[in-house]
Amino acid sequence: MYNLYINKTEGKIEIKPLRKVFQNLSSTITEEVTRYNEVYYFCTKKKPLVEFAEQKKQEWIIELENELIKLKNIQIT
């Protein structure tokens, strides 16, 4: 079992074996990515967490690219 720590503000994405603090939840963790709170996700397998993390990272990149486009298109009058 694995946990994913994902924090946009800190710029961190980490996948590690399930931490001891979360062991009491192990009976509820499935093969699907399950959200625990704003920064932690769980899964019995690592691959779905990697795919989910890549997707989140892409979303962040798109958000920043869109923001950059807005800034570039500001007209000074």
Protein backbone atom coordinates (compact mmCIF):
# COMPACT_ATOMS: atom_id res chain seq x y z
CA MET A 1 0.00 0.00 0.00
CA TYR A 2 1.14 3.51 -0.84
CA ASN A 3 0.41 7.10 0.00
CA LEU A 4 0.75 10.07 -2.31
CA TYR A 5 1.60 13.46 -0.85
CA ILE A 6 0.77 16.24 -3.28
CA ASN A 7 1.08 19.92 -2.42
CA LYS A 8 0.93 22.58 -5.13
CA THR A 9 1.96 25.40 -2.78
CA GLU A 10 5.13 23.58 -1.72
CA GLY A 11 5.73 22.15 -5.19
CA LYS A 12 5.95 18.60 -3.85
CA ILE A 13 4.73 15.28 -5.14
CA GLU A 14 5.91 12.20 -3.24
CA ILE A 15 4.82 8.57 -3.39
CA LYS A 16 5.94 6.36 -0.53
CA PRO A 17 4.91 3.16 1.17
CA LEU A 18 1.94 3.72 3.46
CA ARG A 19 3.05 5.60 6.55
CA LYS A 20 2.49 4.01 9.95
CA VAL A 21 0.21 6.85 10.97
CA PHE A 22 -2.23 5.71 8.25
CA GLN A 23 -2.03 1.96 8.94
CA ASN A 24 -5.39 2.01 10.72
CA LEU A 25 -6.97 2.92 7.35
CA SER A 26 -5.43 -0.01 5.49
CA SER A 27 -8.67 -2.00 5.47
CA THR A 28 -10.43 0.79 3.53
CA ILE A 29 -7.72 1.34 0.91
CA THR A 30 -8.49 -0.12 -2.53
CA GLU A 31 -6.85 -0.42 -5.95
CA GLU A 32 -8.39 2.93 -6.88
CA VAL A 33 -6.85 6.22 -5.83
CA THR A 34 -8.68 7.40 -2.73
CA ARG A 35 -8.50 10.93 -1.42
CA TYR A 36 -7.85 11.23 2.31
CA ASN A 37 -7.58 15.01 2.63
CA GLU A 38 -6.23 18.00 0.67
CA VAL A 39 -2.72 16.55 0.37
CA TYR A 40 -2.88 12.77 0.88
CA TYR A 41 -4.18 10.04 -1.41
CA PHE A 42 -3.97 6.27 -0.93
CA CYS A 43 -3.91 3.19 -3.11
CA THR A 44 -2.89 -0.44 -2.78
CA LYS A 45 -0.78 -0.12 -5.93
CA LYS A 46 1.83 2.45 -6.87
CA LYS A 47 1.06 2.76 -10.60
CA PRO A 48 -2.38 4.43 -10.22
CA LEU A 49 -0.84 6.97 -7.83
CA VAL A 50 1.92 7.76 -10.33
CA GLU A 51 -0.66 8.27 -13.08
CA PHE A 52 -2.80 10.44 -10.80
CA ALA A 53 0.23 12.52 -9.79
CA GLU A 54 1.21 13.03 -13.44
CA GLN A 55 -2.34 14.17 -14.21
CA LYS A 56 -2.31 16.65 -11.32
CA LYS A 57 1.09 17.95 -12.40
CA GLN A 58 -0.24 18.51 -15.94
CA GLU A 59 -3.23 20.39 -14.53
CA TRP A 60 -0.88 22.67 -12.59
CA ILE A 61 1.22 23.31 -15.70
CA ILE A 62 -1.86 24.15 -17.78
CA GLU A 63 -3.11 26.54 -15.07
CA LEU A 64 0.23 28.33 -15.01
CA GLU A 65 0.47 28.46 -18.81
CA ASN A 66 -3.02 29.98 -18.99
CA GLU A 67 -2.09 32.54 -16.35
CA LEU A 68 1.08 33.39 -18.29
CA ILE A 69 -0.95 33.87 -21.50
CA LYS A 70 -3.25 36.28 -19.65
CA LEU A 71 -0.27 38.26 -18.39
CA LYS A 72 1.35 38.36 -21.84
CA ASN A 73 -1.90 39.65 -23.36
CA ILE A 74 -2.33 42.54 -20.98
CA GLN A 75 -2.51 45.70 -23.03
CA ILE A 76 -0.96 48.80 -21.63
CA THR A 77 -3.07 51.84 -22.44
